[in-house]
Amino acid sequence: MTARPAALACLVACGCLAAPAETATVADIQQRVGLDQRLGRELPLDVTLRDEHGTPVRLGELLGSRPALIAPVYFECPNLCTLTLNGLLLSLRSIDLTAGRDFEVIAVSFDPRERPALAQAKRDAYLERYGRGFSPCPSCTRGWHFLTGDAPQIAALLGALGFRYFWDQDLRQYAHAAAIVVVTPRGRISQYFNGVAYPPAPLRAALLAAAAEHSGSLAERLWLLCYHYESLAGPYSALIASLLRLLGFATVLALILLITRLVRNSP
């Protein structure tokens, strides 16, 4: 990872919220919002949600033969959820694996008030932008699922994913993290990608690993957990500032070494 993408990853890492929760306390953010990584955990495959047509669908029905990318979002989110889906779409358009053939995309709304009509509109918009849902791959349209559901079913799935969030009544929106989760065909958690930008090469590798029922390593866990954002304070924490300084120093050092090598190798 180069310095610039690494810095961008810091800026959109897992602690980011849908909006500054001015009416929440620091304890609310620390205890009620976040992503507890649970690599290898089996998801509740009997959880029943509703597809974009309003038809009940079990999570297990969407898996079985292919891995899946699960995006916990809500469709009327004013901020992060659109960035999450846009970042996922951008990455998927850059890899040679195709939804519906090699993997499934499952966007799950954690707002129980949202209905299938809204999910259908979102799905149609992203399928059109994906550009692979028609000839020569008409089956690819079946690889995208935008789901809604009742509160207990949503809570069961997101709880298993380790995704913590809450509704801020005063702000009238959810405080939540930004992430996608890679799941194996058998429904085990294989990998997490935090933030709203997902590098295509690591995402592709994660999908292939999940297809083989593999889970991420400890090193991958540490990389994903090394960022923190203090939403109530506004600025990035001392940890982020230190990381950015270190990345800046590394970039300068790399440039010096490159220039030195070019000078030595020049005729």
C-alpha atoms as a PDB file:
ATOM      1  CA  MET A   1       0.000   0.000   0.000  1.00  0.00           C
ATOM      2  CA  THR A   2       1.439   3.427  -0.915  1.00  0.00           C
ATOM      3  CA  ALA A   3       1.482   6.317   1.515  1.00  0.00           C
ATOM      4  CA  ARG A   4      -1.425   8.159  -0.076  1.00  0.00           C
ATOM      5  CA  PRO A   5      -3.928   5.234  -0.073  1.00  0.00           C
ATOM      6  CA  ALA A   6      -2.792   4.354   3.440  1.00  0.00           C
ATOM      7  CA  ALA A   7      -3.492   7.878   4.593  1.00  0.00           C
ATOM      8  CA  LEU A   8      -6.883   7.823   2.922  1.00  0.00           C
ATOM      9  CA  ALA A   9      -7.614   4.549   4.653  1.00  0.00           C
ATOM     10  CA  CYS A  10      -6.898   6.241   7.957  1.00  0.00           C
ATOM     11  CA  LEU A  11      -9.381   8.981   7.159  1.00  0.00           C
ATOM     12  CA  VAL A  12     -12.267   6.612   6.482  1.00  0.00           C
ATOM     13  CA  ALA A  13     -11.530   3.845   8.954  1.00  0.00           C
ATOM     14  CA  CYS A  14     -13.937   1.874  11.061  1.00  0.00           C
ATOM     15  CA  GLY A  15     -14.708   4.457  13.704  1.00  0.00           C
ATOM     16  CA  CYS A  16     -16.250   6.956  11.275  1.00  0.00           C
ATOM     17  CA  LEU A  17     -19.883   7.756  11.945  1.00  0.00           C
ATOM     18  CA  ALA A  18     -22.817   8.584   9.754  1.00  0.00           C
ATOM     19  CA  ALA A  19     -22.752  12.079  11.281  1.00  0.00           C
ATOM     20  CA  PRO A  20     -21.256  13.727  14.372  1.00  0.00           C
ATOM     21  CA  ALA A  21     -23.514  12.451  17.146  1.00  0.00           C
ATOM     22  CA  GLU A  22     -23.816  15.735  19.009  1.00  0.00           C
ATOM     23  CA  THR A  23     -26.503  14.431  21.330  1.00  0.00           C
ATOM     24  CA  ALA A  24     -24.577  11.263  22.175  1.00  0.00           C
ATOM     25  CA  THR A  25     -21.862  10.913  24.763  1.00  0.00           C
ATOM     26  CA  VAL A  26     -18.349   9.579  24.337  1.00  0.00           C
ATOM     27  CA  ALA A  27     -19.507   6.438  26.123  1.00  0.00           C
ATOM     28  CA  ASP A  28     -22.282   6.015  23.532  1.00  0.00           C
ATOM     29  CA  ILE A  29     -19.783   6.094  20.706  1.00  0.00           C
ATOM     30  CA  GLN A  30     -17.306   3.759  22.378  1.00  0.00           C
ATOM     31  CA  GLN A  31     -19.848   1.228  23.583  1.00  0.00           C
ATOM     32  CA  ARG A  32     -22.643   1.364  21.035  1.00  0.00           C
ATOM     33  CA  VAL A  33     -20.864   2.009  17.732  1.00  0.00           C
ATOM     34  CA  GLY A  34     -18.140  -0.068  16.162  1.00  0.00           C
ATOM     35  CA  LEU A  35     -17.169  -3.314  14.520  1.00  0.00           C
ATOM     36  CA  ASP A  36     -16.069  -6.310  16.581  1.00  0.00           C
ATOM     37  CA  GLN A  37     -14.224  -8.592  14.209  1.00  0.00           C
ATOM     38  CA  ARG A  38     -15.281 -12.214  14.518  1.00  0.00           C
ATOM     39  CA  LEU A  39     -13.295 -14.060  11.903  1.00  0.00           C
ATOM     40  CA  GLY A  40     -14.398 -17.649  11.475  1.00  0.00           C
ATOM     41  CA  ARG A  41     -17.764 -17.223  13.180  1.00  0.00           C
ATOM     42  CA  GLU A  42     -20.725 -18.876  11.528  1.00  0.00           C
ATOM     43  CA  LEU A  43     -23.583 -16.542  10.661  1.00  0.00           C
ATOM     44  CA  PRO A  44     -27.199 -17.462  11.486  1.00  0.00           C
ATOM     45  CA  LEU A  45     -28.225 -18.884   8.124  1.00  0.00           C
ATOM     46  CA  ASP A  46     -31.852 -19.181   9.205  1.00  0.00           C
ATOM     47  CA  VAL A  47     -32.232 -15.391   9.509  1.00  0.00           C
ATOM     48  CA  THR A  48     -35.111 -14.412   7.231  1.00  0.00           C
ATOM     49  CA  LEU A  49     -35.190 -11.029   5.535  1.00  0.00           C
ATOM     50  CA  ARG A  50     -37.104  -9.615   2.547  1.00  0.00           C
ATOM     51  CA  ASP A  51     -35.694  -9.190  -0.928  1.00  0.00           C
ATOM     52  CA  GLU A  52     -36.370  -6.204  -3.183  1.00  0.00           C
ATOM     53  CA  HIS A  53     -39.715  -7.747  -4.211  1.00  0.00           C
ATOM     54  CA  GLY A  54     -40.826  -8.253  -0.611  1.00  0.00           C
ATOM     55  CA  THR A  55     -40.332 -12.025  -0.792  1.00  0.00           C
ATOM     56  CA  PRO A  56     -38.989 -13.645   2.391  1.00  0.00           C
ATOM     57  CA  VAL A  57     -35.486 -15.020   1.855  1.00  0.00           C
ATOM     58  CA  ARG A  58     -33.220 -16.909   4.237  1.00  0.00           C
ATOM     59  CA  LEU A  59     -29.593 -15.882   4.418  1.00  0.00           C
ATOM     60  CA  GLY A  60     -28.612 -19.486   3.750  1.00  0.00           C
ATOM     61  CA  GLU A  61     -30.481 -19.396   0.441  1.00  0.00           C
ATOM     62  CA  LEU A  62     -28.169 -16.675  -0.829  1.00  0.00           C
ATOM     63  CA  LEU A  63     -25.046 -18.653   0.010  1.00  0.00           C
ATOM     64  CA  GLY A  64     -24.078 -22.275  -0.561  1.00  0.00           C
ATOM     65  CA  SER A  65     -22.119 -22.207  -3.804  1.00  0.00           C
ATOM     66  CA  ARG A  66     -20.386 -18.820  -3.742  1.00  0.00           C
ATOM     67  CA  PRO A  67     -18.838 -16.427  -1.219  1.00  0.00           C
ATOM     68  CA  ALA A  68     -20.630 -13.171  -0.468  1.00  0.00           C
ATOM     69  CA  LEU A  69     -19.907  -9.542   0.307  1.00  0.00           C
ATOM     70  CA  ILE A  70     -22.238  -8.258   3.018  1.00  0.00           C
ATOM     71  CA  ALA A  71     -22.657  -4.495   3.346  1.00  0.00           C
ATOM     72  CA  PRO A  72     -24.509  -3.351   6.500  1.00  0.00           C
ATOM     73  CA  VAL A  73     -26.131  -0.064   5.442  1.00  0.00           C
ATOM     74  CA  TYR A  74     -29.434   1.716   5.461  1.00  0.00           C
ATOM     75  CA  PHE A  75     -30.771   3.014   2.194  1.00  0.00           C
ATOM     76  CA  GLU A  76     -31.755   6.515   3.322  1.00  0.00           C
ATOM     77  CA  CYS A  77     -28.476   7.149   5.106  1.00  0.00           C
ATOM     78  CA  PRO A  78     -27.385  10.750   4.405  1.00  0.00           C
ATOM     79  CA  ASN A  79     -23.658  10.046   4.478  1.00  0.00           C
ATOM     80  CA  LEU A  80     -21.561   6.921   4.910  1.00  0.00           C
ATOM     81  CA  CYS A  81     -23.819   4.228   3.475  1.00  0.00           C
ATOM     82  CA  THR A  82     -23.814   5.733  -0.006  1.00  0.00           C
ATOM     83  CA  LEU A  83     -20.036   6.078   0.198  1.00  0.00           C
ATOM     84  CA  THR A  84     -19.801   2.449   1.300  1.00  0.00           C
ATOM     85  CA  LEU A  85     -21.863   1.179  -1.627  1.00  0.00           C
ATOM     86  CA  ASN A  86     -20.117   3.494  -4.095  1.00  0.00           C
ATOM     87  CA  GLY A  87     -16.708   2.334  -2.880  1.00  0.00           C
ATOM     88  CA  LEU A  88     -17.756  -1.289  -3.197  1.00  0.00           C
ATOM     89  CA  LEU A  89     -19.119  -0.724  -6.696  1.00  0.00           C
ATOM     90  CA  LEU A  90     -15.939   1.028  -7.811  1.00  0.00           C
ATOM     91  CA  SER A  91     -13.800  -1.853  -6.591  1.00  0.00           C
ATOM     92  CA  LEU A  92     -16.027  -4.559  -8.088  1.00  0.00           C
ATOM     93  CA  ARG A  93     -15.935  -2.891 -11.491  1.00  0.00           C
ATOM     94  CA  SER A  94     -12.130  -3.139 -11.377  1.00  0.00           C
ATOM     95  CA  ILE A  95     -11.771  -6.879 -10.767  1.00  0.00           C
ATOM     96  CA  ASP A  96     -12.237  -9.850 -13.083  1.00  0.00           C
ATOM     97  CA  LEU A  97     -14.667 -11.647 -10.752  1.00  0.00           C
ATOM     98  CA  THR A  98     -18.357 -11.102 -11.427  1.00  0.00           C
ATOM     99  CA  ALA A  99     -21.338 -10.875  -9.083  1.00  0.00           C
ATOM    100  CA  GLY A 100     -23.799 -13.689  -9.644  1.00  0.00           C
ATOM    101  CA  ARG A 101     -21.132 -15.931 -11.134  1.00  0.00           C
ATOM    102  CA  ASP A 102     -18.226 -15.770  -8.655  1.00  0.00           C
ATOM    103  CA  PHE A 103     -19.781 -14.170  -5.565  1.00  0.00           C
ATOM    104  CA  GLU A 104     -22.924 -12.548  -4.159  1.00  0.00           C
ATOM    105  CA  VAL A 105     -23.428  -8.940  -3.072  1.00  0.00           C
ATOM    106  CA  ILE A 106     -25.779  -8.582  -0.094  1.00  0.00           C
ATOM    107  CA  ALA A 107     -26.673  -5.075   1.096  1.00  0.00           C
ATOM    108  CA  VAL A 108     -28.657  -5.361   4.325  1.00  0.00           C
ATOM    109  CA  SER A 109     -30.594  -2.388   5.684  1.00  0.00           C
ATOM    110  CA  PHE A 110     -30.381  -2.129   9.452  1.00  0.00           C
ATOM    111  CA  ASP A 111     -33.334   0.278   9.524  1.00  0.00           C
ATOM    112  CA  PRO A 112     -36.453  -1.891  10.058  1.00  0.00           C
ATOM    113  CA  ARG A 113     -38.650   0.944   8.769  1.00  0.00           C
ATOM    114  CA  GLU A 114     -37.277   0.679   5.248  1.00  0.00           C
ATOM    115  CA  ARG A 115     -39.343  -1.249   2.730  1.00  0.00           C
ATOM    116  CA  PRO A 116     -38.668  -3.392  -0.371  1.00  0.00           C
ATOM    117  CA  ALA A 117     -39.623  -0.612  -2.805  1.00  0.00           C
ATOM    118  CA  LEU A 118     -36.695   1.453  -1.572  1.00  0.00           C
ATOM    119  CA  ALA A 119     -34.417  -1.578  -1.766  1.00  0.00           C
ATOM    120  CA  GLN A 120     -35.557  -2.185  -5.357  1.00  0.00           C
ATOM    121  CA  ALA A 121     -34.753   1.384  -6.371  1.00  0.00           C
ATOM    122  CA  LYS A 122     -31.284   1.147  -4.834  1.00  0.00           C
ATOM    123  CA  ARG A 123     -30.624  -2.214  -6.462  1.00  0.00           C
ATOM    124  CA  ASP A 124     -31.689  -0.971  -9.899  1.00  0.00           C
ATOM    125  CA  ALA A 125     -29.424   2.057  -9.617  1.00  0.00           C
ATOM    126  CA  TYR A 126     -26.348   0.041  -8.645  1.00  0.00           C
ATOM    127  CA  LEU A 127     -26.985  -2.710 -11.170  1.00  0.00           C
ATOM    128  CA  GLU A 128     -27.110  -0.128 -13.947  1.00  0.00           C
ATOM    129  CA  ARG A 129     -23.840   1.384 -12.792  1.00  0.00           C
ATOM    130  CA  TYR A 130     -22.230  -2.041 -12.365  1.00  0.00           C
ATOM    131  CA  GLY A 131     -22.789  -2.641 -16.068  1.00  0.00           C
ATOM    132  CA  ARG A 132     -22.456  -6.437 -16.015  1.00  0.00           C
ATOM    133  CA  GLY A 133     -26.066  -7.362 -15.347  1.00  0.00           C
ATOM    134  CA  PHE A 134     -26.987  -7.685 -18.989  1.00  0.00           C
ATOM    135  CA  SER A 135     -25.480  -9.419 -22.032  1.00  0.00           C
ATOM    136  CA  PRO A 136     -23.190 -11.360 -21.946  1.00  0.00           C
ATOM    137  CA  CYS A 137     -24.020 -12.128 -18.296  1.00  0.00           C
ATOM    138  CA  PRO A 138     -27.782 -11.856 -17.704  1.00  0.00           C
ATOM    139  CA  SER A 139     -27.470 -14.088 -14.625  1.00  0.00           C
ATOM    140  CA  CYS A 140     -25.306 -11.424 -12.975  1.00  0.00           C
ATOM    141  CA  THR A 141     -28.427  -9.480 -12.073  1.00  0.00           C
ATOM    142  CA  ARG A 142     -29.232 -12.291  -9.635  1.00  0.00           C
ATOM    143  CA  GLY A 143     -25.972 -11.687  -7.793  1.00  0.00           C
ATOM    144  CA  TRP A 144     -27.109  -8.406  -6.200  1.00  0.00           C
ATOM    145  CA  HIS A 145     -29.441  -8.484  -3.201  1.00  0.00           C
ATOM    146  CA  PHE A 146     -30.771  -5.428  -1.370  1.00  0.00           C
ATOM    147  CA  LEU A 147     -32.570  -6.682   1.714  1.00  0.00           C
ATOM    148  CA  THR A 148     -34.849  -5.233   4.365  1.00  0.00           C
ATOM    149  CA  GLY A 149     -36.337  -6.933   7.385  1.00  0.00           C
ATOM    150  CA  ASP A 150     -37.797  -6.847  10.868  1.00  0.00           C
ATOM    151  CA  ALA A 151     -35.766  -5.596  13.808  1.00  0.00           C
ATOM    152  CA  PRO A 152     -35.140  -8.995  15.520  1.00  0.00           C
ATOM    153  CA  GLN A 153     -33.883 -10.612  12.318  1.00  0.00           C
ATOM    154  CA  ILE A 154     -31.679  -7.643  11.447  1.00  0.00           C
ATOM    155  CA  ALA A 155     -30.251  -7.566  14.968  1.00  0.00           C
ATOM    156  CA  ALA A 156     -29.454 -11.285  14.829  1.00  0.00           C
ATOM    157  CA  LEU A 157     -27.456 -10.952  11.620  1.00  0.00           C
ATOM    158  CA  LEU A 158     -25.645  -7.721  12.449  1.00  0.00           C
ATOM    159  CA  GLY A 159     -24.931  -8.933  15.956  1.00  0.00           C
ATOM    160  CA  ALA A 160     -23.234 -12.011  14.511  1.00  0.00           C
ATOM    161  CA  LEU A 161     -21.214  -9.762  12.205  1.00  0.00           C
ATOM    162  CA  GLY A 162     -20.095  -7.696  15.206  1.00  0.00           C
ATOM    163  CA  PHE A 163     -21.612  -4.539  13.727  1.00  0.00           C
ATOM    164  CA  ARG A 164     -22.742  -2.111  16.471  1.00  0.00           C
ATOM    165  CA  TYR A 165     -24.894   0.952  15.789  1.00  0.00           C
ATOM    166  CA  PHE A 166     -27.714   2.980  17.329  1.00  0.00           C
ATOM    167  CA  TRP A 167     -30.450   5.403  16.371  1.00  0.00           C
ATOM    168  CA  ASP A 168     -29.931   8.986  17.512  1.00  0.00           C
ATOM    169  CA  GLN A 169     -33.459  10.231  18.094  1.00  0.00           C
ATOM    170  CA  ASP A 170     -32.507  13.901  18.202  1.00  0.00           C
ATOM    171  CA  LEU A 171     -30.490  13.807  14.972  1.00  0.00           C
ATOM    172  CA  ARG A 172     -32.950  11.415  13.345  1.00  0.00           C
ATOM    173  CA  GLN A 173     -30.254   9.181  11.928  1.00  0.00           C
ATOM    174  CA  TYR A 174     -28.088   6.205  12.834  1.00  0.00           C
ATOM    175  CA  ALA A 175     -24.596   6.382  14.256  1.00  0.00           C
ATOM    176  CA  HIS A 176     -22.679   3.502  12.699  1.00  0.00           C
ATOM    177  CA  ALA A 177     -19.382   2.290  11.318  1.00  0.00           C
ATOM    178  CA  ALA A 178     -18.511   1.812   7.644  1.00  0.00           C
ATOM    179  CA  ALA A 179     -17.426  -1.639   6.502  1.00  0.00           C
ATOM    180  CA  ILE A 180     -18.104  -4.630   4.304  1.00  0.00           C
ATOM    181  CA  VAL A 181     -17.719  -8.268   5.336  1.00  0.00           C
ATOM    182  CA  VAL A 182     -16.552 -11.179   3.199  1.00  0.00           C
ATOM    183  CA  VAL A 183     -18.390 -14.427   3.963  1.00  0.00           C
ATOM    184  CA  THR A 184     -17.653 -17.994   2.836  1.00  0.00           C
ATOM    185  CA  PRO A 185     -20.206 -20.142   0.990  1.00  0.00           C
ATOM    186  CA  ARG A 186     -20.908 -21.964   4.274  1.00  0.00           C
ATOM    187  CA  GLY A 187     -21.673 -18.684   5.998  1.00  0.00           C
ATOM    188  CA  ARG A 188     -18.476 -18.168   7.997  1.00  0.00           C
ATOM    189  CA  ILE A 189     -16.929 -14.709   8.370  1.00  0.00           C
ATOM    190  CA  SER A 190     -13.763 -14.669   6.289  1.00  0.00           C
ATOM    191  CA  GLN A 191     -12.595 -11.055   6.158  1.00  0.00           C
ATOM    192  CA  TYR A 192     -13.485  -7.461   7.068  1.00  0.00           C
ATOM    193  CA  PHE A 193     -12.809  -4.325   5.059  1.00  0.00           C
ATOM    194  CA  ASN A 194     -13.262  -1.128   7.051  1.00  0.00           C
ATOM    195  CA  GLY A 195     -13.952   2.331   5.693  1.00  0.00           C
ATOM    196  CA  VAL A 196     -15.468   3.261   2.333  1.00  0.00           C
ATOM    197  CA  ALA A 197     -12.595   2.439  -0.051  1.00  0.00           C
ATOM    198  CA  TYR A 198     -11.773  -1.192  -0.822  1.00  0.00           C
ATOM    199  CA  PRO A 199      -8.584  -1.824  -2.844  1.00  0.00           C
ATOM    200  CA  PRO A 200      -9.504  -4.151  -5.733  1.00  0.00           C
ATOM    201  CA  ALA A 201      -6.557  -6.552  -5.431  1.00  0.00           C
ATOM    202  CA  PRO A 202      -7.019  -7.330  -1.700  1.00  0.00           C
ATOM    203  CA  LEU A 203     -10.779  -7.572  -2.193  1.00  0.00           C
ATOM    204  CA  ARG A 204     -10.342 -10.044  -5.031  1.00  0.00           C
ATOM    205  CA  ALA A 205      -7.888 -12.080  -2.962  1.00  0.00           C
ATOM    206  CA  ALA A 206     -10.336 -12.092  -0.048  1.00  0.00           C
ATOM    207  CA  LEU A 207     -13.131 -13.390  -2.278  1.00  0.00           C
ATOM    208  CA  LEU A 208     -10.934 -16.199  -3.594  1.00  0.00           C
ATOM    209  CA  ALA A 209      -9.860 -17.103  -0.058  1.00  0.00           C
ATOM    210  CA  ALA A 210     -13.478 -17.110   1.105  1.00  0.00           C
ATOM    211  CA  ALA A 211     -14.450 -19.350  -1.808  1.00  0.00           C
ATOM    212  CA  ALA A 212     -11.962 -21.877  -0.398  1.00  0.00           C
ATOM    213  CA  GLU A 213     -13.479 -21.439   3.108  1.00  0.00           C
ATOM    214  CA  HIS A 214     -10.418 -19.618   4.440  1.00  0.00           C
ATOM    215  CA  SER A 215     -10.452 -16.806   7.016  1.00  0.00           C
ATOM    216  CA  GLY A 216      -8.186 -13.773   7.366  1.00  0.00           C
ATOM    217  CA  SER A 217      -4.953 -13.862   9.332  1.00  0.00           C
ATOM    218  CA  LEU A 218      -4.025 -12.078  12.531  1.00  0.00           C
ATOM    219  CA  ALA A 219      -1.944  -9.588  10.565  1.00  0.00           C
ATOM    220  CA  GLU A 220      -4.986  -8.617   8.539  1.00  0.00           C
ATOM    221  CA  ARG A 221      -6.958  -8.131  11.729  1.00  0.00           C
ATOM    222  CA  LEU A 222      -4.331  -5.804  13.145  1.00  0.00           C
ATOM    223  CA  TRP A 223      -4.183  -3.739   9.947  1.00  0.00           C
ATOM    224  CA  LEU A 224      -7.915  -3.261  10.010  1.00  0.00           C
ATOM    225  CA  LEU A 225      -7.982  -2.294  13.667  1.00  0.00           C
ATOM    226  CA  CYS A 226      -5.100   0.184  13.744  1.00  0.00           C
ATOM    227  CA  TYR A 227      -7.216   3.269  13.126  1.00  0.00           C
ATOM    228  CA  HIS A 228      -9.413   5.274  15.449  1.00  0.00           C
ATOM    229  CA  TYR A 229     -11.605   8.373  15.018  1.00  0.00           C
ATOM    230  CA  GLU A 230     -12.954  10.504  17.854  1.00  0.00           C
ATOM    231  CA  SER A 231     -16.233  11.632  16.340  1.00  0.00           C
ATOM    232  CA  LEU A 232     -17.262  13.861  19.222  1.00  0.00           C
ATOM    233  CA  ALA A 233     -13.972  15.739  19.302  1.00  0.00           C
ATOM    234  CA  GLY A 234     -13.959  16.235  15.534  1.00  0.00           C
ATOM    235  CA  PRO A 235     -10.223  15.970  14.770  1.00  0.00           C
ATOM    236  CA  TYR A 236      -8.393  12.702  14.371  1.00  0.00           C
ATOM    237  CA  SER A 237      -6.914  11.157  17.479  1.00  0.00           C
ATOM    238  CA  ALA A 238      -3.261  11.239  18.438  1.00  0.00           C
ATOM    239  CA  LEU A 239      -2.887   7.747  17.008  1.00  0.00           C
ATOM    240  CA  ILE A 240      -4.034   8.894  13.572  1.00  0.00           C
ATOM    241  CA  ALA A 241      -1.854  11.998  13.738  1.00  0.00           C
ATOM    242  CA  SER A 242       1.170   9.855  14.599  1.00  0.00           C
ATOM    243  CA  LEU A 243       0.404   7.455  11.768  1.00  0.00           C
ATOM    244  CA  LEU A 244       0.038  10.282   9.268  1.00  0.00           C
ATOM    245  CA  ARG A 245       3.340  11.831  10.401  1.00  0.00           C
ATOM    246  CA  LEU A 246       5.033   8.462  10.071  1.00  0.00           C
ATOM    247  CA  LEU A 247       3.565   7.929   6.612  1.00  0.00           C
ATOM    248  CA  GLY A 248       4.698  11.391   5.558  1.00  0.00           C
ATOM    249  CA  PHE A 249       8.219  10.720   6.797  1.00  0.00           C
ATOM    250  CA  ALA A 250       8.269   7.364   4.998  1.00  0.00           C
ATOM    251  CA  THR A 251       7.155   9.034   1.770  1.00  0.00           C
ATOM    252  CA  VAL A 252       9.907  11.646   1.959  1.00  0.00           C
ATOM    253  CA  LEU A 253      12.490   8.979   2.747  1.00  0.00           C
ATOM    254  CA  ALA A 254      11.320   6.844  -0.173  1.00  0.00           C
ATOM    255  CA  LEU A 255      11.592   9.810  -2.537  1.00  0.00           C
ATOM    256  CA  ILE A 256      15.124  10.566  -1.328  1.00  0.00           C
ATOM    257  CA  LEU A 257      16.179   6.961  -1.847  1.00  0.00           C
ATOM    258  CA  LEU A 258      14.593   6.897  -5.310  1.00  0.00           C
ATOM    259  CA  ILE A 259      16.304  10.109  -6.390  1.00  0.00           C
ATOM    260  CA  THR A 260      19.635   8.864  -5.028  1.00  0.00           C
ATOM    261  CA  ARG A 261      19.312   5.594  -6.956  1.00  0.00           C
ATOM    262  CA  LEU A 262      18.375   7.408 -10.171  1.00  0.00           C
ATOM    263  CA  VAL A 263      21.360   9.734  -9.838  1.00  0.00           C
ATOM    264  CA  ARG A 264      23.744   6.823  -9.246  1.00  0.00           C
ATOM    265  CA  ASN A 265      22.386   4.871 -12.202  1.00  0.00           C
ATOM    266  CA  SER A 266      22.377   7.782 -14.598  1.00  0.00           C
ATOM    267  CA  PRO A 267      25.159   7.737 -17.287  1.00  0.00           C
END
